Amino acid sequence: MSKFIHDVRLSVLELSVIKENGTATEALANSVKIAQHIEKLDFERIWFAEHHNMQYVASSAPQILIGHIAGKTSSIRVGSGGIMLPNHTPLIIAEQFGTLETLYPGRIDLGLGRAPGTDQTTAAAIRKNNMHRSMSFEEDVLELQSYFDNTNEQKAVRAFPAEGKNIPLWILGSSPDSAVLAAKHGYPYAFASHFSTNYFEMALSTYYNQFVPSKHLEKPYVMAGVNILVTDTEEEAEFLKSSLIKMFLGIVTGQRVPLQQPGPLPDIYFNPEVQHAVNNSLKFTFAGTKETVRKELSDFISRYRINELMIRTTVYDFETKLKSFSLLHDALLKDGI
């Protein structure tokens, strides 16, 4: 088993992004290959995020993807990063993940988010008459947790085959509100710092200071989302990173397109306001050689007391993406470089 610097764990967040001239079928097939590749590298887990009404993101149904990926691998943990709980009833999620845990025991994670993972019009189409469920997020999390208890014999509503299943629940978030909830109930906390950076320090401080030990967790556990690209040269990393910048540029401007090939950035990027917004979202992006990334990540992990890195690697060429994971593994080994 590989041991990484600072005893950090390495995991991957996969969105099954469709690239220019690519297809959803190709994107999903590549997600399988990524899971198999990082499993060999001793990565901890691979998660799939729930997104809706996004033409170039193929992860609208993470529950299905989790089962598919778990069936194509043997040991890596597979889960949601996350299930957007306002879109679902706790009972249905308990039944779905109880089924997954029954099929793949000891390998399923359930990360929970408060946002709908889409625009408000689509959110209304997903769950009619329930547009305010995000306000009941804490209540829904606790209800969901209760369905996994093995003391429900007298309850009128029970979730099968979820009862008695030890499925780790994670609270996902990008604000201090989610940190308060995770700390209050003693859950592990995953911050979406791979795209949302403004409240990162405040949220982590809140979580560490307010954490209450629970049956789930004895001490705080923090996972940080980060964008990582490891290459043979600094010049190659800078060039390939342009695909990631273009992706965020589409998000900032509302002009989403498939994942673009690397190359010159469009003129709109050089608008000061646009550039500031893109660069702010990419604050926790680490790109370069093994030596560069090792040093920068070591500082990041130490400064923020990170237990696990949830890695997003956005690069056009698939083989380059797999190579980046391998180089990262080597870079972060305790006795690496």
C-alpha atoms as a PDB file:
ATOM      1  CA  MET A   1       0.000   0.000   0.000  1.00  0.00           C
ATOM      2  CA  SER A   2       1.436   3.379  -1.014  1.00  0.00           C
ATOM      3  CA  LYS A   3       2.118   5.910   1.734  1.00  0.00           C
ATOM      4  CA  PHE A   4       1.897   9.556   0.782  1.00  0.00           C
ATOM      5  CA  ILE A   5       3.425  12.681   2.324  1.00  0.00           C
ATOM      6  CA  HIS A   6       1.699  13.979   5.459  1.00  0.00           C
ATOM      7  CA  ASP A   7      -0.299  10.718   5.413  1.00  0.00           C
ATOM      8  CA  VAL A   8      -2.694  12.397   3.006  1.00  0.00           C
ATOM      9  CA  ARG A   9      -5.083  10.228   1.004  1.00  0.00           C
ATOM     10  CA  LEU A  10      -5.586  10.703  -2.727  1.00  0.00           C
ATOM     11  CA  SER A  11      -8.955  10.466  -4.456  1.00  0.00           C
ATOM     12  CA  VAL A  12     -10.519  11.562  -7.737  1.00  0.00           C
ATOM     13  CA  LEU A  13     -13.676  13.497  -8.572  1.00  0.00           C
ATOM     14  CA  GLU A  14     -14.994  12.470 -11.964  1.00  0.00           C
ATOM     15  CA  LEU A  15     -17.642  14.419 -13.893  1.00  0.00           C
ATOM     16  CA  SER A  16     -17.459  12.374 -17.112  1.00  0.00           C
ATOM     17  CA  VAL A  17     -16.924  15.575 -19.094  1.00  0.00           C
ATOM     18  CA  ILE A  18     -17.538  15.319 -22.828  1.00  0.00           C
ATOM     19  CA  LYS A  19     -14.709  16.783 -24.878  1.00  0.00           C
ATOM     20  CA  GLU A  20     -14.810  18.515 -28.242  1.00  0.00           C
ATOM     21  CA  ASN A  21     -15.558  15.920 -30.956  1.00  0.00           C
ATOM     22  CA  GLY A  22     -16.300  13.388 -28.204  1.00  0.00           C
ATOM     23  CA  THR A  23     -19.435  11.595 -26.975  1.00  0.00           C
ATOM     24  CA  ALA A  24     -21.091  10.724 -23.677  1.00  0.00           C
ATOM     25  CA  THR A  25     -20.384   7.051 -24.378  1.00  0.00           C
ATOM     26  CA  GLU A  26     -16.679   7.810 -24.662  1.00  0.00           C
ATOM     27  CA  ALA A  27     -16.706   9.960 -21.520  1.00  0.00           C
ATOM     28  CA  LEU A  28     -18.351   7.233 -19.435  1.00  0.00           C
ATOM     29  CA  ALA A  29     -16.020   4.543 -20.791  1.00  0.00           C
ATOM     30  CA  ASN A  30     -13.059   6.732 -19.852  1.00  0.00           C
ATOM     31  CA  SER A  31     -14.429   7.102 -16.321  1.00  0.00           C
ATOM     32  CA  VAL A  32     -14.191   3.327 -15.952  1.00  0.00           C
ATOM     33  CA  LYS A  33     -10.589   3.370 -17.169  1.00  0.00           C
ATOM     34  CA  ILE A  34      -9.725   6.166 -14.726  1.00  0.00           C
ATOM     35  CA  ALA A  35     -11.159   4.194 -11.802  1.00  0.00           C
ATOM     36  CA  GLN A  36      -9.212   1.103 -12.797  1.00  0.00           C
ATOM     37  CA  HIS A  37      -6.015   3.109 -13.255  1.00  0.00           C
ATOM     38  CA  ILE A  38      -6.112   4.940  -9.927  1.00  0.00           C
ATOM     39  CA  GLU A  39      -7.112   1.752  -8.104  1.00  0.00           C
ATOM     40  CA  LYS A  40      -3.721   0.328  -9.138  1.00  0.00           C
ATOM     41  CA  LEU A  41      -2.097   3.494  -7.750  1.00  0.00           C
ATOM     42  CA  ASP A  42      -3.645   2.969  -4.298  1.00  0.00           C
ATOM     43  CA  PHE A  43      -5.931   5.976  -4.511  1.00  0.00           C
ATOM     44  CA  GLU A  44      -8.620   5.908  -1.820  1.00  0.00           C
ATOM     45  CA  ARG A  45     -11.825   6.576  -3.736  1.00  0.00           C
ATOM     46  CA  ILE A  46     -13.453   7.897  -6.880  1.00  0.00           C
ATOM     47  CA  TRP A  47     -16.578  10.044  -6.627  1.00  0.00           C
ATOM     48  CA  PHE A  48     -19.145  11.153  -9.165  1.00  0.00           C
ATOM     49  CA  ALA A  49     -20.991  14.457  -8.968  1.00  0.00           C
ATOM     50  CA  GLU A  50     -24.663  15.038  -9.710  1.00  0.00           C
ATOM     51  CA  HIS A  51     -25.244  17.666 -12.412  1.00  0.00           C
ATOM     52  CA  HIS A  52     -28.355  18.334 -14.479  1.00  0.00           C
ATOM     53  CA  ASN A  53     -29.184  20.153 -17.716  1.00  0.00           C
ATOM     54  CA  MET A  54     -25.503  20.348 -18.635  1.00  0.00           C
ATOM     55  CA  GLN A  55     -25.050  19.142 -22.190  1.00  0.00           C
ATOM     56  CA  TYR A  56     -21.364  18.306 -21.854  1.00  0.00           C
ATOM     57  CA  VAL A  57     -21.399  16.607 -18.438  1.00  0.00           C
ATOM     58  CA  ALA A  58     -22.467  12.947 -18.416  1.00  0.00           C
ATOM     59  CA  SER A  59     -22.796  12.497 -14.640  1.00  0.00           C
ATOM     60  CA  SER A  60     -26.475  13.321 -14.175  1.00  0.00           C
ATOM     61  CA  ALA A  61     -27.149   9.944 -12.512  1.00  0.00           C
ATOM     62  CA  PRO A  62     -24.271   9.208 -10.110  1.00  0.00           C
ATOM     63  CA  GLN A  63     -26.134   6.333  -8.434  1.00  0.00           C
ATOM     64  CA  ILE A  64     -26.001   4.401 -11.706  1.00  0.00           C
ATOM     65  CA  LEU A  65     -22.387   5.348 -12.362  1.00  0.00           C
ATOM     66  CA  ILE A  66     -21.347   4.259  -8.865  1.00  0.00           C
ATOM     67  CA  GLY A  67     -22.761   0.785  -9.414  1.00  0.00           C
ATOM     68  CA  HIS A  68     -21.224   0.537 -12.864  1.00  0.00           C
ATOM     69  CA  ILE A  69     -17.762   1.613 -11.682  1.00  0.00           C
ATOM     70  CA  ALA A  70     -17.855  -0.547  -8.560  1.00  0.00           C
ATOM     71  CA  GLY A  71     -18.639  -3.531 -10.766  1.00  0.00           C
ATOM     72  CA  LYS A  72     -15.630  -2.800 -12.966  1.00  0.00           C
ATOM     73  CA  THR A  73     -13.182  -2.450 -10.041  1.00  0.00           C
ATOM     74  CA  SER A  74     -12.352  -4.560  -7.016  1.00  0.00           C
ATOM     75  CA  SER A  75     -11.130  -2.488  -4.062  1.00  0.00           C
ATOM     76  CA  ILE A  76     -11.339   1.266  -4.557  1.00  0.00           C
ATOM     77  CA  ARG A  77     -14.155   3.055  -2.728  1.00  0.00           C
ATOM     78  CA  VAL A  78     -16.815   4.514  -5.025  1.00  0.00           C
ATOM     79  CA  GLY A  79     -19.290   7.208  -4.101  1.00  0.00           C
ATOM     80  CA  SER A  80     -21.075  10.461  -4.681  1.00  0.00           C
ATOM     81  CA  GLY A  81     -19.495  13.868  -4.634  1.00  0.00           C
ATOM     82  CA  GLY A  82     -22.258  14.400  -4.184  1.00  0.00           C
ATOM     83  CA  ILE A  83     -25.875  13.455  -4.186  1.00  0.00           C
ATOM     84  CA  MET A  84     -27.770  16.743  -4.192  1.00  0.00           C
ATOM     85  CA  LEU A  85     -30.211  15.874  -1.451  1.00  0.00           C
ATOM     86  CA  PRO A  86     -32.857  18.546  -2.195  1.00  0.00           C
ATOM     87  CA  ASN A  87     -33.487  16.695  -5.472  1.00  0.00           C
ATOM     88  CA  HIS A  88     -34.423  13.444  -3.714  1.00  0.00           C
ATOM     89  CA  THR A  89     -36.286  12.010  -0.768  1.00  0.00           C
ATOM     90  CA  PRO A  90     -34.057  10.567   1.966  1.00  0.00           C
ATOM     91  CA  LEU A  91     -35.891   7.240   1.797  1.00  0.00           C
ATOM     92  CA  ILE A  92     -35.128   6.709  -1.892  1.00  0.00           C
ATOM     93  CA  ILE A  93     -31.451   7.599  -1.438  1.00  0.00           C
ATOM     94  CA  ALA A  94     -31.228   5.201   1.510  1.00  0.00           C
ATOM     95  CA  GLU A  95     -32.731   2.403  -0.580  1.00  0.00           C
ATOM     96  CA  GLN A  96     -30.449   3.109  -3.522  1.00  0.00           C
ATOM     97  CA  PHE A  97     -27.239   3.301  -1.504  1.00  0.00           C
ATOM     98  CA  GLY A  98     -28.280   0.410   0.719  1.00  0.00           C
ATOM     99  CA  THR A  99     -28.572  -1.628  -2.463  1.00  0.00           C
ATOM    100  CA  LEU A 100     -25.152  -0.461  -3.668  1.00  0.00           C
ATOM    101  CA  GLU A 101     -23.570  -1.328  -0.314  1.00  0.00           C
ATOM    102  CA  THR A 102     -25.225  -4.751  -0.408  1.00  0.00           C
ATOM    103  CA  LEU A 103     -23.756  -5.400  -3.847  1.00  0.00           C
ATOM    104  CA  TYR A 104     -20.315  -3.935  -3.059  1.00  0.00           C
ATOM    105  CA  PRO A 105     -19.853  -4.192   0.722  1.00  0.00           C
ATOM    106  CA  GLY A 106     -17.390  -1.849   2.365  1.00  0.00           C
ATOM    107  CA  ARG A 107     -16.816   0.206  -0.790  1.00  0.00           C
ATOM    108  CA  ILE A 108     -19.642   2.750  -1.023  1.00  0.00           C
ATOM    109  CA  ASP A 109     -19.540   6.415   0.093  1.00  0.00           C
ATOM    110  CA  LEU A 110     -22.445   8.838   0.286  1.00  0.00           C
ATOM    111  CA  GLY A 111     -21.470  12.483  -0.058  1.00  0.00           C
ATOM    112  CA  LEU A 112     -24.380  14.915   0.365  1.00  0.00           C
ATOM    113  CA  GLY A 113     -24.808  18.426  -0.993  1.00  0.00           C
ATOM    114  CA  ARG A 114     -27.343  21.154  -0.304  1.00  0.00           C
ATOM    115  CA  ALA A 115     -27.453  22.720  -3.782  1.00  0.00           C
ATOM    116  CA  PRO A 116     -29.554  21.318  -6.652  1.00  0.00           C
ATOM    117  CA  GLY A 117     -26.587  20.934  -8.996  1.00  0.00           C
ATOM    118  CA  THR A 118     -28.340  22.883 -11.717  1.00  0.00           C
ATOM    119  CA  ASP A 119     -30.348  26.035 -12.473  1.00  0.00           C
ATOM    120  CA  GLN A 120     -33.588  26.817 -10.668  1.00  0.00           C
ATOM    121  CA  THR A 121     -35.836  26.010 -13.626  1.00  0.00           C
ATOM    122  CA  THR A 122     -34.327  22.550 -13.919  1.00  0.00           C
ATOM    123  CA  ALA A 123     -34.460  22.084 -10.147  1.00  0.00           C
ATOM    124  CA  ALA A 124     -38.213  22.725 -10.302  1.00  0.00           C
ATOM    125  CA  ALA A 125     -38.532  20.098 -13.032  1.00  0.00           C
ATOM    126  CA  ILE A 126     -36.591  17.570 -10.943  1.00  0.00           C
ATOM    127  CA  ARG A 127     -38.720  17.859  -7.828  1.00  0.00           C
ATOM    128  CA  LYS A 128     -41.935  19.781  -8.321  1.00  0.00           C
ATOM    129  CA  ASN A 129     -43.406  21.602  -5.314  1.00  0.00           C
ATOM    130  CA  ASN A 130     -40.209  21.072  -3.346  1.00  0.00           C
ATOM    131  CA  MET A 131     -38.177  24.104  -4.335  1.00  0.00           C
ATOM    132  CA  HIS A 132     -37.350  24.934  -0.731  1.00  0.00           C
ATOM    133  CA  ARG A 133     -35.991  21.553   0.361  1.00  0.00           C
ATOM    134  CA  SER A 134     -32.489  23.021   0.670  1.00  0.00           C
ATOM    135  CA  MET A 135     -33.788  24.817   3.754  1.00  0.00           C
ATOM    136  CA  SER A 136     -34.418  21.389   5.317  1.00  0.00           C
ATOM    137  CA  PHE A 137     -31.005  19.964   4.470  1.00  0.00           C
ATOM    138  CA  GLU A 138     -30.033  19.164   8.060  1.00  0.00           C
ATOM    139  CA  GLU A 139     -33.386  17.516   8.722  1.00  0.00           C
ATOM    140  CA  ASP A 140     -33.067  15.436   5.549  1.00  0.00           C
ATOM    141  CA  VAL A 141     -29.501  14.369   6.373  1.00  0.00           C
ATOM    142  CA  LEU A 142     -30.575  13.117   9.799  1.00  0.00           C
ATOM    143  CA  GLU A 143     -33.590  11.335   8.359  1.00  0.00           C
ATOM    144  CA  LEU A 144     -31.377   9.668   5.782  1.00  0.00           C
ATOM    145  CA  GLN A 145     -28.900   8.631   8.471  1.00  0.00           C
ATOM    146  CA  SER A 146     -31.708   7.099  10.527  1.00  0.00           C
ATOM    147  CA  TYR A 147     -32.641   4.711   7.728  1.00  0.00           C
ATOM    148  CA  PHE A 148     -29.216   3.058   8.062  1.00  0.00           C
ATOM    149  CA  ASP A 149     -29.730   2.371  11.788  1.00  0.00           C
ATOM    150  CA  ASN A 150     -30.386  -1.188  12.930  1.00  0.00           C
ATOM    151  CA  THR A 151     -32.930  -0.129  15.566  1.00  0.00           C
ATOM    152  CA  ASN A 152     -35.895   0.666  13.312  1.00  0.00           C
ATOM    153  CA  GLU A 153     -38.066  -2.385  14.020  1.00  0.00           C
ATOM    154  CA  GLN A 154     -40.918  -0.330  15.438  1.00  0.00           C
ATOM    155  CA  LYS A 155     -40.929   2.351  12.751  1.00  0.00           C
ATOM    156  CA  ALA A 156     -43.717   2.523  10.189  1.00  0.00           C
ATOM    157  CA  VAL A 157     -41.313   3.365   7.346  1.00  0.00           C
ATOM    158  CA  ARG A 158     -38.067   1.442   6.921  1.00  0.00           C
ATOM    159  CA  ALA A 159     -35.464   1.355   4.150  1.00  0.00           C
ATOM    160  CA  PHE A 160     -34.436  -2.038   2.804  1.00  0.00           C
ATOM    161  CA  PRO A 161     -31.780  -3.221   2.221  1.00  0.00           C
ATOM    162  CA  ALA A 162     -30.264  -0.150   3.865  1.00  0.00           C
ATOM    163  CA  GLU A 163     -30.888  -1.047   7.503  1.00  0.00           C
ATOM    164  CA  GLY A 164     -27.735  -1.813   9.417  1.00  0.00           C
ATOM    165  CA  LYS A 165     -25.458  -0.814   6.547  1.00  0.00           C
ATOM    166  CA  ASN A 166     -22.345   1.118   7.535  1.00  0.00           C
ATOM    167  CA  ILE A 167     -22.240   3.664   4.725  1.00  0.00           C
ATOM    168  CA  PRO A 168     -20.078   6.715   5.511  1.00  0.00           C
ATOM    169  CA  LEU A 169     -21.961   9.981   5.097  1.00  0.00           C
ATOM    170  CA  TRP A 170     -19.992  13.072   4.087  1.00  0.00           C
ATOM    171  CA  ILE A 171     -21.150  16.673   4.131  1.00  0.00           C
ATOM    172  CA  LEU A 172     -20.130  18.566   1.017  1.00  0.00           C
ATOM    173  CA  GLY A 173     -20.119  22.307   0.812  1.00  0.00           C
ATOM    174  CA  SER A 174     -18.646  25.598  -0.252  1.00  0.00           C
ATOM    175  CA  SER A 175     -19.665  27.805   2.670  1.00  0.00           C
ATOM    176  CA  PRO A 176     -19.413  28.006   6.472  1.00  0.00           C
ATOM    177  CA  ASP A 177     -23.037  26.809   6.742  1.00  0.00           C
ATOM    178  CA  SER A 178     -22.094  23.337   5.557  1.00  0.00           C
ATOM    179  CA  ALA A 179     -19.097  23.361   7.890  1.00  0.00           C
ATOM    180  CA  VAL A 180     -21.352  24.088  10.874  1.00  0.00           C
ATOM    181  CA  LEU A 181     -23.595  21.146   9.992  1.00  0.00           C
ATOM    182  CA  ALA A 182     -20.673  18.743   9.482  1.00  0.00           C
ATOM    183  CA  ALA A 183     -19.060  19.827  12.752  1.00  0.00           C
ATOM    184  CA  LYS A 184     -22.281  19.713  14.767  1.00  0.00           C
ATOM    185  CA  HIS A 185     -23.026  16.107  13.859  1.00  0.00           C
ATOM    186  CA  GLY A 186     -19.455  14.842  13.626  1.00  0.00           C
ATOM    187  CA  TYR A 187     -19.343  14.075   9.904  1.00  0.00           C
ATOM    188  CA  PRO A 188     -16.314  14.211   7.608  1.00  0.00           C
ATOM    189  CA  TYR A 189     -16.298  17.428   5.580  1.00  0.00           C
ATOM    190  CA  ALA A 190     -15.477  17.902   1.898  1.00  0.00           C
ATOM    191  CA  PHE A 191     -15.013  21.448   0.598  1.00  0.00           C
ATOM    192  CA  ALA A 192     -15.475  22.205  -3.111  1.00  0.00           C
ATOM    193  CA  SER A 193     -12.298  24.268  -3.334  1.00  0.00           C
ATOM    194  CA  HIS A 194     -11.635  23.043  -6.865  1.00  0.00           C
ATOM    195  CA  PHE A 195     -14.054  25.732  -8.032  1.00  0.00           C
ATOM    196  CA  SER A 196     -15.345  27.657  -4.980  1.00  0.00           C
ATOM    197  CA  THR A 197     -12.571  29.367  -3.043  1.00  0.00           C
ATOM    198  CA  ASN A 198     -13.944  32.438  -1.278  1.00  0.00           C
ATOM    199  CA  TYR A 199     -15.008  30.778   1.992  1.00  0.00           C
ATOM    200  CA  PHE A 200     -12.436  27.985   2.122  1.00  0.00           C
ATOM    201  CA  GLU A 201     -10.409  29.223   5.085  1.00  0.00           C
ATOM    202  CA  MET A 202     -13.460  30.391   7.024  1.00  0.00           C
ATOM    203  CA  ALA A 203     -15.300  27.112   6.501  1.00  0.00           C
ATOM    204  CA  LEU A 204     -12.347  24.974   7.568  1.00  0.00           C
ATOM    205  CA  SER A 205     -11.752  27.108  10.636  1.00  0.00           C
ATOM    206  CA  THR A 206     -15.431  26.780  11.558  1.00  0.00           C
ATOM    207  CA  TYR A 207     -15.329  23.017  11.118  1.00  0.00           C
ATOM    208  CA  TYR A 208     -12.163  22.514  13.164  1.00  0.00           C
ATOM    209  CA  ASN A 209     -13.306  24.809  15.988  1.00  0.00           C
ATOM    210  CA  GLN A 210     -16.860  23.521  16.283  1.00  0.00           C
ATOM    211  CA  PHE A 211     -16.329  19.817  15.636  1.00  0.00           C
ATOM    212  CA  VAL A 212     -18.150  17.486  18.028  1.00  0.00           C
ATOM    213  CA  PRO A 213     -16.966  13.845  18.139  1.00  0.00           C
ATOM    214  CA  SER A 214     -19.643  11.353  17.130  1.00  0.00           C
ATOM    215  CA  LYS A 215     -20.223   7.692  16.402  1.00  0.00           C
ATOM    216  CA  HIS A 216     -19.199   8.528  12.841  1.00  0.00           C
ATOM    217  CA  LEU A 217     -15.919  10.256  13.555  1.00  0.00           C
ATOM    218  CA  GLU A 218     -13.707  10.884  16.595  1.00  0.00           C
ATOM    219  CA  LYS A 219     -11.856  13.908  15.213  1.00  0.00           C
ATOM    220  CA  PRO A 220     -12.205  16.289  12.264  1.00  0.00           C
ATOM    221  CA  TYR A 221     -11.545  14.917   8.801  1.00  0.00           C
ATOM    222  CA  VAL A 222     -11.201  17.332   5.878  1.00  0.00           C
ATOM    223  CA  MET A 223     -11.185  16.599   2.190  1.00  0.00           C
ATOM    224  CA  ALA A 224     -10.237  19.460  -0.135  1.00  0.00           C
ATOM    225  CA  GLY A 225     -11.126  19.617  -3.810  1.00  0.00           C
ATOM    226  CA  VAL A 226      -8.137  20.649  -5.925  1.00  0.00           C
ATOM    227  CA  ASN A 227      -7.283  20.883  -9.611  1.00  0.00           C
ATOM    228  CA  ILE A 228      -4.062  19.000 -10.331  1.00  0.00           C
ATOM    229  CA  LEU A 229      -2.078  18.432 -13.510  1.00  0.00           C
ATOM    230  CA  VAL A 230       1.370  16.852 -13.341  1.00  0.00           C
ATOM    231  CA  THR A 231       3.551  16.814 -16.471  1.00  0.00           C
ATOM    232  CA  ASP A 232       7.165  16.297 -17.490  1.00  0.00           C
ATOM    233  CA  THR A 233       7.873  20.024 -17.938  1.00  0.00           C
ATOM    234  CA  GLU A 234       6.526  23.321 -16.634  1.00  0.00           C
ATOM    235  CA  GLU A 235       5.942  24.486 -20.203  1.00  0.00           C
ATOM    236  CA  GLU A 236       3.770  21.475 -20.977  1.00  0.00           C
ATOM    237  CA  ALA A 237       1.698  22.042 -17.833  1.00  0.00           C
ATOM    238  CA  GLU A 238       1.154  25.703 -18.679  1.00  0.00           C
ATOM    239  CA  PHE A 239       0.047  24.807 -22.198  1.00  0.00           C
ATOM    240  CA  LEU A 240      -2.279  21.966 -21.203  1.00  0.00           C
ATOM    241  CA  LYS A 241      -3.832  24.013 -18.383  1.00  0.00           C
ATOM    242  CA  SER A 242      -5.423  26.226 -21.030  1.00  0.00           C
ATOM    243  CA  SER A 243      -8.176  23.596 -21.466  1.00  0.00           C
ATOM    244  CA  LEU A 244      -9.078  23.981 -17.789  1.00  0.00           C
ATOM    245  CA  ILE A 245      -9.081  27.770 -18.097  1.00  0.00           C
ATOM    246  CA  LYS A 246     -11.370  27.562 -21.136  1.00  0.00           C
ATOM    247  CA  MET A 247     -13.767  25.342 -19.206  1.00  0.00           C
ATOM    248  CA  PHE A 248     -14.027  27.846 -16.352  1.00  0.00           C
ATOM    249  CA  LEU A 249     -14.292  30.657 -18.859  1.00  0.00           C
ATOM    250  CA  GLY A 250     -17.412  28.984 -20.229  1.00  0.00           C
ATOM    251  CA  ILE A 251     -18.846  28.724 -16.716  1.00  0.00           C
ATOM    252  CA  VAL A 252     -18.124  32.379 -15.895  1.00  0.00           C
ATOM    253  CA  THR A 253     -19.551  33.694 -19.182  1.00  0.00           C
ATOM    254  CA  GLY A 254     -22.475  31.270 -19.342  1.00  0.00           C
ATOM    255  CA  GLN A 255     -21.262  29.935 -22.681  1.00  0.00           C
ATOM    256  CA  ARG A 256     -20.612  26.286 -21.947  1.00  0.00           C
ATOM    257  CA  VAL A 257     -18.916  24.217 -24.613  1.00  0.00           C
ATOM    258  CA  PRO A 258     -17.338  20.735 -24.724  1.00  0.00           C
ATOM    259  CA  LEU A 259     -13.893  20.398 -23.179  1.00  0.00           C
ATOM    260  CA  GLN A 260     -11.615  22.275 -25.554  1.00  0.00           C
ATOM    261  CA  GLN A 261      -8.209  21.387 -26.900  1.00  0.00           C
ATOM    262  CA  PRO A 262      -5.312  23.341 -25.361  1.00  0.00           C
ATOM    263  CA  GLY A 263      -4.192  26.475 -27.110  1.00  0.00           C
ATOM    264  CA  PRO A 264      -4.513  30.259 -27.145  1.00  0.00           C
ATOM    265  CA  LEU A 265      -7.170  31.731 -24.885  1.00  0.00           C
ATOM    266  CA  PRO A 266     -10.024  33.741 -26.439  1.00  0.00           C
ATOM    267  CA  ASP A 267     -10.014  37.505 -26.180  1.00  0.00           C
ATOM    268  CA  ILE A 268     -12.795  37.591 -23.584  1.00  0.00           C
ATOM    269  CA  TYR A 269     -10.450  35.991 -21.049  1.00  0.00           C
ATOM    270  CA  PHE A 270      -8.398  39.182 -21.015  1.00  0.00           C
ATOM    271  CA  ASN A 271     -11.349  41.261 -19.831  1.00  0.00           C
ATOM    272  CA  PRO A 272     -10.150  42.153 -16.288  1.00  0.00           C
ATOM    273  CA  GLU A 273     -13.400  41.175 -14.568  1.00  0.00           C
ATOM    274  CA  VAL A 274     -13.667  37.882 -16.423  1.00  0.00           C
ATOM    275  CA  GLN A 275     -10.028  37.024 -15.813  1.00  0.00           C
ATOM    276  CA  HIS A 276     -10.362  37.809 -12.113  1.00  0.00           C
ATOM    277  CA  ALA A 277     -13.408  35.539 -11.792  1.00  0.00           C
ATOM    278  CA  VAL A 278     -11.724  32.662 -13.619  1.00  0.00           C
ATOM    279  CA  ASN A 279      -8.455  32.974 -11.725  1.00  0.00           C
ATOM    280  CA  ASN A 280     -10.264  33.179  -8.391  1.00  0.00           C
ATOM    281  CA  SER A 281     -12.040  29.899  -9.138  1.00  0.00           C
ATOM    282  CA  LEU A 282      -8.678  28.330 -10.003  1.00  0.00           C
ATOM    283  CA  LYS A 283      -6.936  29.523  -6.837  1.00  0.00           C
ATOM    284  CA  PHE A 284      -6.325  25.951  -5.673  1.00  0.00           C
ATOM    285  CA  THR A 285      -4.889  24.645  -8.919  1.00  0.00           C
ATOM    286  CA  PHE A 286      -1.545  22.870  -8.918  1.00  0.00           C
ATOM    287  CA  ALA A 287       0.089  22.325 -12.299  1.00  0.00           C
ATOM    288  CA  GLY A 288       3.699  21.554 -13.155  1.00  0.00           C
ATOM    289  CA  THR A 289       6.388  18.934 -12.759  1.00  0.00           C
ATOM    290  CA  LYS A 290       6.508  16.389  -9.956  1.00  0.00           C
ATOM    291  CA  GLU A 291       8.929  18.570  -8.000  1.00  0.00           C
ATOM    292  CA  THR A 292       6.764  21.688  -8.296  1.00  0.00           C
ATOM    293  CA  VAL A 293       3.504  19.964  -7.462  1.00  0.00           C
ATOM    294  CA  ARG A 294       5.012  18.059  -4.530  1.00  0.00           C
ATOM    295  CA  LYS A 295       6.286  21.255  -2.909  1.00  0.00           C
ATOM    296  CA  GLU A 296       3.121  23.271  -3.496  1.00  0.00           C
ATOM    297  CA  LEU A 297       0.803  20.500  -2.326  1.00  0.00           C
ATOM    298  CA  SER A 298       2.948  19.791   0.728  1.00  0.00           C
ATOM    299  CA  ASP A 299       2.600  23.431   1.760  1.00  0.00           C
ATOM    300  CA  PHE A 300      -1.150  23.372   1.067  1.00  0.00           C
ATOM    301  CA  ILE A 301      -1.743  20.169   3.039  1.00  0.00           C
ATOM    302  CA  SER A 302       0.279  21.393   6.018  1.00  0.00           C
ATOM    303  CA  ARG A 303      -1.201  24.871   6.108  1.00  0.00           C
ATOM    304  CA  TYR A 304      -4.836  23.742   6.053  1.00  0.00           C
ATOM    305  CA  ARG A 305      -4.455  20.382   7.867  1.00  0.00           C
ATOM    306  CA  ILE A 306      -5.885  18.454   4.928  1.00  0.00           C
ATOM    307  CA  ASN A 307      -6.537  14.742   5.375  1.00  0.00           C
ATOM    308  CA  GLU A 308      -7.482  13.925   1.799  1.00  0.00           C
ATOM    309  CA  LEU A 309      -7.207  15.499  -1.641  1.00  0.00           C
ATOM    310  CA  MET A 310     -10.172  15.135  -3.993  1.00  0.00           C
ATOM    311  CA  ILE A 311      -8.506  15.638  -7.342  1.00  0.00           C
ATOM    312  CA  ARG A 312      -9.964  17.074 -10.539  1.00  0.00           C
ATOM    313  CA  THR A 313      -7.718  16.686 -13.547  1.00  0.00           C
ATOM    314  CA  THR A 314      -9.084  18.512 -16.568  1.00  0.00           C
ATOM    315  CA  VAL A 315      -7.016  17.889 -19.658  1.00  0.00           C
ATOM    316  CA  TYR A 316      -8.076  17.202 -23.245  1.00  0.00           C
ATOM    317  CA  ASP A 317      -5.925  14.155 -24.014  1.00  0.00           C
ATOM    318  CA  PHE A 318      -7.041  11.093 -22.071  1.00  0.00           C
ATOM    319  CA  GLU A 319      -3.676   9.349 -21.910  1.00  0.00           C
ATOM    320  CA  THR A 320      -2.156  12.563 -20.547  1.00  0.00           C
ATOM    321  CA  LYS A 321      -4.792  12.505 -17.810  1.00  0.00           C
ATOM    322  CA  LEU A 322      -3.861   8.963 -16.791  1.00  0.00           C
ATOM    323  CA  LYS A 323      -0.176   9.882 -16.870  1.00  0.00           C
ATOM    324  CA  SER A 324      -0.836  12.855 -14.598  1.00  0.00           C
ATOM    325  CA  PHE A 325      -2.351  10.553 -11.968  1.00  0.00           C
ATOM    326  CA  SER A 326       0.695   8.282 -12.163  1.00  0.00           C
ATOM    327  CA  LEU A 327       3.112  11.198 -11.875  1.00  0.00           C
ATOM    328  CA  LEU A 328       1.143  12.596  -8.937  1.00  0.00           C
ATOM    329  CA  HIS A 329       1.323   9.238  -7.179  1.00  0.00           C
ATOM    330  CA  ASP A 330       5.103   9.205  -7.587  1.00  0.00           C
ATOM    331  CA  ALA A 331       5.452  12.855  -6.579  1.00  0.00           C
ATOM    332  CA  LEU A 332       3.582  12.456  -3.301  1.00  0.00           C
ATOM    333  CA  LEU A 333       5.119   9.210  -2.130  1.00  0.00           C
ATOM    334  CA  LYS A 334       6.789   9.640   1.257  1.00  0.00           C
ATOM    335  CA  ASP A 335      10.063   8.506  -0.238  1.00  0.00           C
ATOM    336  CA  GLY A 336       9.347   9.880  -3.694  1.00  0.00           C
ATOM    337  CA  ILE A 337      11.434  12.169  -5.928  1.00  0.00           C
END
